């Protein structure tokens, strides 16, 4: 919530935060080494049992709260297209951007985890994504309980498209790229849910 900052200008007042030595603190130090800035923010309780980014000091309107160098720290379709995982779709039609970024996430987990650990460690776990979690992970009967035909149709189309990408691109492309055993359908679905829940 907006509160009057100590400077007398409107801004964001500090809130209780998580310990700086935890996963978020490691992420902030990693981002700083790559040229980012995160002074004055941490992960904290934002109410309702949810975590989020909170201010640890007062900010005035116009202050930069944090900055992240996209070229160094962000999982994007451009990074996916420039990475070795792009071999998965080199001879196949390129899948949707969220699928390419999900495949990048899976690639980094398997092959470059040490370099990307500070970011990977703060992403939601499969347990974090359950109950209720993103609707694309719900069973069809659970989605139907919403009694919203448009929502049921939209989620069904998303799941069908992701399943087709898995069958038509992920399994054959991962195998052809000689990256070892392809991710399981569940691993792929969790990666897609992680990426789309952060979009």
C-alpha atoms as a PDB file:
ATOM      1  CA  UNK A   1       0.000   0.000   0.000  1.00  0.00           C
ATOM      2  CA  UNK A   2       1.070   3.553  -0.659  1.00  0.00           C
ATOM      3  CA  UNK A   3       2.098   5.449   2.448  1.00  0.00           C
ATOM      4  CA  UNK A   4       3.782   8.769   2.970  1.00  0.00           C
ATOM      5  CA  UNK A   5       7.532   8.232   2.860  1.00  0.00           C
ATOM      6  CA  UNK A   6       9.878   9.799   5.403  1.00  0.00           C
ATOM      7  CA  UNK A   7      10.896  12.440   2.867  1.00  0.00           C
ATOM      8  CA  UNK A   8       7.373  13.846   2.890  1.00  0.00           C
ATOM      9  CA  UNK A   9       6.793  12.872  -0.757  1.00  0.00           C
ATOM     10  CA  UNK A  10       4.387  10.130  -1.696  1.00  0.00           C
ATOM     11  CA  UNK A  11       6.150   6.817  -2.069  1.00  0.00           C
ATOM     12  CA  UNK A  12       6.358   3.349  -0.614  1.00  0.00           C
ATOM     13  CA  UNK A  13       7.164   2.808   3.057  1.00  0.00           C
ATOM     14  CA  UNK A  14       9.308  -0.061   4.280  1.00  0.00           C
ATOM     15  CA  UNK A  15       7.706  -3.397   5.205  1.00  0.00           C
ATOM     16  CA  UNK A  16       8.939  -6.492   7.081  1.00  0.00           C
ATOM     17  CA  UNK A  17      11.193  -8.598   4.862  1.00  0.00           C
ATOM     18  CA  UNK A  18      12.747 -12.026   4.665  1.00  0.00           C
ATOM     19  CA  UNK A  19      16.287 -12.610   5.889  1.00  0.00           C
ATOM     20  CA  UNK A  20      18.935 -11.191   3.502  1.00  0.00           C
ATOM     21  CA  UNK A  21      20.945 -14.416   3.627  1.00  0.00           C
ATOM     22  CA  UNK A  22      18.221 -16.520   2.015  1.00  0.00           C
ATOM     23  CA  UNK A  23      17.574 -17.349  -1.618  1.00  0.00           C
ATOM     24  CA  UNK A  24      16.358 -13.838  -2.416  1.00  0.00           C
ATOM     25  CA  UNK A  25      19.527 -12.336  -0.914  1.00  0.00           C
ATOM     26  CA  UNK A  26      21.630 -14.640  -3.103  1.00  0.00           C
ATOM     27  CA  UNK A  27      19.589 -13.589  -6.133  1.00  0.00           C
ATOM     28  CA  UNK A  28      20.134  -9.896  -5.334  1.00  0.00           C
ATOM     29  CA  UNK A  29      23.894 -10.408  -5.015  1.00  0.00           C
ATOM     30  CA  UNK A  30      23.940 -12.374  -8.305  1.00  0.00           C
ATOM     31  CA  UNK A  31      21.965  -9.645 -10.093  1.00  0.00           C
ATOM     32  CA  UNK A  32      24.286  -6.974  -8.618  1.00  0.00           C
ATOM     33  CA  UNK A  33      27.372  -8.813  -9.919  1.00  0.00           C
ATOM     34  CA  UNK A  34      25.785  -8.669 -13.359  1.00  0.00           C
ATOM     35  CA  UNK A  35      25.092  -4.942 -13.131  1.00  0.00           C
ATOM     36  CA  UNK A  36      21.655  -4.843 -11.550  1.00  0.00           C
ATOM     37  CA  UNK A  37      20.415  -2.911  -8.556  1.00  0.00           C
ATOM     38  CA  UNK A  38      18.145  -4.176  -5.803  1.00  0.00           C
ATOM     39  CA  UNK A  39      18.955  -1.988  -2.806  1.00  0.00           C
ATOM     40  CA  UNK A  40      15.896  -1.480  -0.656  1.00  0.00           C
ATOM     41  CA  UNK A  41      13.809  -4.520  -1.616  1.00  0.00           C
ATOM     42  CA  UNK A  42      13.444  -8.048  -0.310  1.00  0.00           C
ATOM     43  CA  UNK A  43      10.939 -10.876  -0.297  1.00  0.00           C
ATOM     44  CA  UNK A  44       8.357 -10.575   2.444  1.00  0.00           C
ATOM     45  CA  UNK A  45       4.820 -11.397   3.481  1.00  0.00           C
ATOM     46  CA  UNK A  46       2.365  -9.401   1.366  1.00  0.00           C
ATOM     47  CA  UNK A  47      -0.734 -10.730   3.119  1.00  0.00           C
ATOM     48  CA  UNK A  48      -3.056 -13.621   2.548  1.00  0.00           C
ATOM     49  CA  UNK A  49      -0.247 -16.139   2.965  1.00  0.00           C
ATOM     50  CA  UNK A  50       1.507 -14.810  -0.140  1.00  0.00           C
ATOM     51  CA  UNK A  51       5.112 -13.709  -0.610  1.00  0.00           C
ATOM     52  CA  UNK A  52       6.172 -10.836  -2.792  1.00  0.00           C
ATOM     53  CA  UNK A  53       8.715  -8.079  -3.216  1.00  0.00           C
ATOM     54  CA  UNK A  54       8.541  -5.579  -0.366  1.00  0.00           C
ATOM     55  CA  UNK A  55      10.389  -2.340   0.359  1.00  0.00           C
ATOM     56  CA  UNK A  56      12.978  -2.440   3.147  1.00  0.00           C
ATOM     57  CA  UNK A  57      13.369   1.335   3.171  1.00  0.00           C
ATOM     58  CA  UNK A  58      11.267   4.284   2.112  1.00  0.00           C
ATOM     59  CA  UNK A  59      11.066   5.123  -1.604  1.00  0.00           C
ATOM     60  CA  UNK A  60       9.949   8.420  -3.056  1.00  0.00           C
ATOM     61  CA  UNK A  61       7.918   8.629  -6.232  1.00  0.00           C
ATOM     62  CA  UNK A  62      10.329   8.374  -9.162  1.00  0.00           C
ATOM     63  CA  UNK A  63      12.973   6.324  -7.294  1.00  0.00           C
ATOM     64  CA  UNK A  64      14.226   3.185  -9.023  1.00  0.00           C
ATOM     65  CA  UNK A  65      13.124   0.295  -6.854  1.00  0.00           C
ATOM     66  CA  UNK A  66      15.224  -2.289  -8.660  1.00  0.00           C
ATOM     67  CA  UNK A  67      16.753  -2.847 -12.071  1.00  0.00           C
ATOM     68  CA  UNK A  68      17.726  -6.062 -13.803  1.00  0.00           C
ATOM     69  CA  UNK A  69      20.031  -6.239 -16.815  1.00  0.00           C
ATOM     70  CA  UNK A  70      17.918  -8.180 -19.294  1.00  0.00           C
ATOM     71  CA  UNK A  71      20.864  -9.349 -21.358  1.00  0.00           C
ATOM     72  CA  UNK A  72      22.477 -10.946 -18.295  1.00  0.00           C
ATOM     73  CA  UNK A  73      19.701 -12.174 -16.037  1.00  0.00           C
ATOM     74  CA  UNK A  74      16.371 -12.625 -17.752  1.00  0.00           C
ATOM     75  CA  UNK A  75      14.994 -15.807 -19.263  1.00  0.00           C
ATOM     76  CA  UNK A  76      13.569 -14.681 -22.592  1.00  0.00           C
ATOM     77  CA  UNK A  77      12.753 -16.116 -25.992  1.00  0.00           C
ATOM     78  CA  UNK A  78      15.797 -14.295 -27.414  1.00  0.00           C
ATOM     79  CA  UNK A  79      18.051 -16.023 -24.887  1.00  0.00           C
ATOM     80  CA  UNK A  80      16.344 -19.351 -25.672  1.00  0.00           C
ATOM     81  CA  UNK A  81      16.839 -18.851 -29.423  1.00  0.00           C
ATOM     82  CA  UNK A  82      20.539 -18.069 -28.886  1.00  0.00           C
ATOM     83  CA  UNK A  83      21.186 -20.960 -26.506  1.00  0.00           C
ATOM     84  CA  UNK A  84      22.103 -24.599 -27.212  1.00  0.00           C
ATOM     85  CA  UNK A  85      18.499 -25.620 -26.413  1.00  0.00           C
ATOM     86  CA  UNK A  86      17.450 -23.945 -29.672  1.00  0.00           C
ATOM     87  CA  UNK A  87      18.752 -27.081 -31.398  1.00  0.00           C
ATOM     88  CA  UNK A  88      15.499 -28.665 -30.218  1.00  0.00           C
ATOM     89  CA  UNK A  89      13.536 -26.648 -32.792  1.00  0.00           C
ATOM     90  CA  UNK A  90      16.190 -25.943 -35.464  1.00  0.00           C
ATOM     91  CA  UNK A  91      14.683 -28.375 -37.986  1.00  0.00           C
ATOM     92  CA  UNK A  92      11.125 -28.190 -36.632  1.00  0.00           C
ATOM     93  CA  UNK A  93       8.669 -25.301 -36.614  1.00  0.00           C
ATOM     94  CA  UNK A  94       9.608 -23.038 -33.706  1.00  0.00           C
ATOM     95  CA  UNK A  95       7.168 -23.483 -30.832  1.00  0.00           C
ATOM     96  CA  UNK A  96       5.412 -20.593 -29.085  1.00  0.00           C
ATOM     97  CA  UNK A  97       7.647 -18.183 -27.144  1.00  0.00           C
ATOM     98  CA  UNK A  98       6.531 -19.493 -23.730  1.00  0.00           C
ATOM     99  CA  UNK A  99       7.411 -23.046 -24.816  1.00  0.00           C
ATOM    100  CA  UNK A 100      10.886 -21.968 -25.952  1.00  0.00           C
ATOM    101  CA  UNK A 101      11.517 -20.197 -22.625  1.00  0.00           C
ATOM    102  CA  UNK A 102      10.201 -23.231 -20.709  1.00  0.00           C
ATOM    103  CA  UNK A 103      12.658 -25.411 -22.646  1.00  0.00           C
ATOM    104  CA  UNK A 104      15.437 -22.954 -21.787  1.00  0.00           C
ATOM    105  CA  UNK A 105      14.488 -23.274 -18.114  1.00  0.00           C
ATOM    106  CA  UNK A 106      14.666 -27.071 -18.351  1.00  0.00           C
ATOM    107  CA  UNK A 107      18.006 -26.858 -20.183  1.00  0.00           C
ATOM    108  CA  UNK A 108      19.489 -24.543 -17.543  1.00  0.00           C
ATOM    109  CA  UNK A 109      18.292 -26.834 -14.748  1.00  0.00           C
ATOM    110  CA  UNK A 110      20.048 -29.794 -16.376  1.00  0.00           C
ATOM    111  CA  UNK A 111      23.185 -28.303 -17.894  1.00  0.00           C
ATOM    112  CA  UNK A 112      23.947 -24.865 -16.399  1.00  0.00           C
ATOM    113  CA  UNK A 113      22.421 -25.050 -12.941  1.00  0.00           C
ATOM    114  CA  UNK A 114      25.499 -23.804 -11.097  1.00  0.00           C
ATOM    115  CA  UNK A 115      25.709 -20.591 -13.125  1.00  0.00           C
ATOM    116  CA  UNK A 116      21.966 -19.873 -12.862  1.00  0.00           C
ATOM    117  CA  UNK A 117      21.286 -21.277  -9.358  1.00  0.00           C
ATOM    118  CA  UNK A 118      20.479 -17.915  -7.712  1.00  0.00           C
ATOM    119  CA  UNK A 119      17.637 -17.367 -10.194  1.00  0.00           C
ATOM    120  CA  UNK A 120      16.500 -20.982 -10.428  1.00  0.00           C
ATOM    121  CA  UNK A 121      16.349 -21.304  -6.629  1.00  0.00           C
ATOM    122  CA  UNK A 122      13.724 -18.555  -6.277  1.00  0.00           C
ATOM    123  CA  UNK A 123      11.393 -19.909  -8.960  1.00  0.00           C
ATOM    124  CA  UNK A 124       8.322 -21.732  -7.684  1.00  0.00           C
ATOM    125  CA  UNK A 125       8.633 -25.423  -6.953  1.00  0.00           C
ATOM    126  CA  UNK A 126       6.016 -27.933  -8.153  1.00  0.00           C
ATOM    127  CA  UNK A 127       4.522 -27.749  -4.634  1.00  0.00           C
ATOM    128  CA  UNK A 128       4.305 -23.947  -4.920  1.00  0.00           C
ATOM    129  CA  UNK A 129       2.354 -24.338  -8.154  1.00  0.00           C
ATOM    130  CA  UNK A 130      -0.190 -26.740  -6.689  1.00  0.00           C
ATOM    131  CA  UNK A 131      -3.478 -25.989  -4.949  1.00  0.00           C
ATOM    132  CA  UNK A 132      -4.744 -23.944  -6.590  1.00  0.00           C
ATOM    133  CA  UNK A 133      -1.841 -23.039  -8.888  1.00  0.00           C
ATOM    134  CA  UNK A 134      -2.047 -22.053 -12.554  1.00  0.00           C
ATOM    135  CA  UNK A 135      -5.191 -23.349 -14.244  1.00  0.00           C
ATOM    136  CA  UNK A 136      -3.204 -25.041 -17.003  1.00  0.00           C
ATOM    137  CA  UNK A 137      -2.131 -27.540 -14.295  1.00  0.00           C
ATOM    138  CA  UNK A 138      -5.687 -28.215 -13.115  1.00  0.00           C
ATOM    139  CA  UNK A 139      -7.538 -31.371 -14.078  1.00  0.00           C
ATOM    140  CA  UNK A 140     -10.259 -30.752 -16.698  1.00  0.00           C
ATOM    141  CA  UNK A 141     -12.953 -31.521 -14.098  1.00  0.00           C
ATOM    142  CA  UNK A 142     -11.520 -28.835 -11.793  1.00  0.00           C
ATOM    143  CA  UNK A 143     -11.551 -26.257 -14.586  1.00  0.00           C
ATOM    144  CA  UNK A 144     -15.145 -27.249 -15.424  1.00  0.00           C
ATOM    145  CA  UNK A 145     -16.159 -26.501 -11.817  1.00  0.00           C
ATOM    146  CA  UNK A 146     -15.627 -22.800 -12.555  1.00  0.00           C
ATOM    147  CA  UNK A 147     -18.805 -23.026 -14.670  1.00  0.00           C
ATOM    148  CA  UNK A 148     -17.320 -20.461 -17.043  1.00  0.00           C
ATOM    149  CA  UNK A 149     -17.534 -21.851 -20.593  1.00  0.00           C
ATOM    150  CA  UNK A 150     -15.110 -19.282 -22.037  1.00  0.00           C
ATOM    151  CA  UNK A 151     -12.532 -20.008 -19.341  1.00  0.00           C
ATOM    152  CA  UNK A 152     -12.933 -23.773 -19.793  1.00  0.00           C
ATOM    153  CA  UNK A 153     -12.425 -23.357 -23.541  1.00  0.00           C
ATOM    154  CA  UNK A 154      -9.395 -21.066 -23.141  1.00  0.00           C
ATOM    155  CA  UNK A 155      -7.629 -23.307 -20.603  1.00  0.00           C
ATOM    156  CA  UNK A 156      -8.443 -26.403 -22.669  1.00  0.00           C
ATOM    157  CA  UNK A 157      -6.926 -24.775 -25.755  1.00  0.00           C
ATOM    158  CA  UNK A 158      -3.771 -23.813 -23.808  1.00  0.00           C
ATOM    159  CA  UNK A 159      -3.330 -27.340 -22.478  1.00  0.00           C
ATOM    160  CA  UNK A 160      -3.966 -28.878 -25.924  1.00  0.00           C
ATOM    161  CA  UNK A 161      -1.416 -26.550 -27.540  1.00  0.00           C
ATOM    162  CA  UNK A 162       1.189 -27.324 -24.877  1.00  0.00           C
ATOM    163  CA  UNK A 163       0.550 -31.078 -25.213  1.00  0.00           C
ATOM    164  CA  UNK A 164       0.936 -30.821 -28.993  1.00  0.00           C
ATOM    165  CA  UNK A 165       4.207 -28.897 -28.560  1.00  0.00           C
ATOM    166  CA  UNK A 166       5.451 -31.607 -26.212  1.00  0.00           C
ATOM    167  CA  UNK A 167       4.565 -34.421 -28.619  1.00  0.00           C
ATOM    168  CA  UNK A 168       5.570 -32.685 -31.867  1.00  0.00           C
ATOM    169  CA  UNK A 169       8.614 -30.637 -30.817  1.00  0.00           C
ATOM    170  CA  UNK A 170       9.932 -31.356 -27.332  1.00  0.00           C
ATOM    171  CA  UNK A 171      10.317 -35.128 -27.485  1.00  0.00           C
ATOM    172  CA  UNK A 172      11.594 -35.472 -31.075  1.00  0.00           C
ATOM    173  CA  UNK A 173      13.621 -32.241 -30.975  1.00  0.00           C
ATOM    174  CA  UNK A 174      15.271 -32.918 -27.600  1.00  0.00           C
ATOM    175  CA  UNK A 175      16.182 -36.410 -28.761  1.00  0.00           C
ATOM    176  CA  UNK A 176      17.545 -35.176 -32.110  1.00  0.00           C
ATOM    177  CA  UNK A 177      19.594 -32.487 -30.335  1.00  0.00           C
ATOM    178  CA  UNK A 178      21.275 -35.283 -28.334  1.00  0.00           C
ATOM    179  CA  UNK A 179      20.503 -33.662 -24.972  1.00  0.00           C
ATOM    180  CA  UNK A 180      19.810 -36.920 -23.186  1.00  0.00           C
ATOM    181  CA  UNK A 181      16.395 -38.144 -22.168  1.00  0.00           C
ATOM    182  CA  UNK A 182      13.704 -35.584 -22.971  1.00  0.00           C
ATOM    183  CA  UNK A 183      11.958 -33.933 -20.049  1.00  0.00           C
ATOM    184  CA  UNK A 184       8.861 -35.781 -18.921  1.00  0.00           C
ATOM    185  CA  UNK A 185       5.463 -34.344 -19.792  1.00  0.00           C
ATOM    186  CA  UNK A 186       5.026 -33.324 -16.130  1.00  0.00           C
ATOM    187  CA  UNK A 187       8.435 -31.587 -16.042  1.00  0.00           C
ATOM    188  CA  UNK A 188       7.502 -29.724 -19.219  1.00  0.00           C
ATOM    189  CA  UNK A 189       4.074 -28.741 -17.873  1.00  0.00           C
ATOM    190  CA  UNK A 190       5.651 -27.423 -14.638  1.00  0.00           C
ATOM    191  CA  UNK A 191       8.221 -25.421 -16.635  1.00  0.00           C
ATOM    192  CA  UNK A 192       5.476 -23.940 -18.831  1.00  0.00           C
ATOM    193  CA  UNK A 193       3.414 -23.083 -15.738  1.00  0.00           C
ATOM    194  CA  UNK A 194       6.461 -21.457 -14.116  1.00  0.00           C
ATOM    195  CA  UNK A 195       7.142 -19.315 -17.173  1.00  0.00           C
ATOM    196  CA  UNK A 196       3.539 -18.339 -17.878  1.00  0.00           C
ATOM    197  CA  UNK A 197       2.813 -17.580 -14.215  1.00  0.00           C
ATOM    198  CA  UNK A 198       5.714 -15.089 -14.275  1.00  0.00           C
ATOM    199  CA  UNK A 199       4.809 -13.454 -17.596  1.00  0.00           C
END
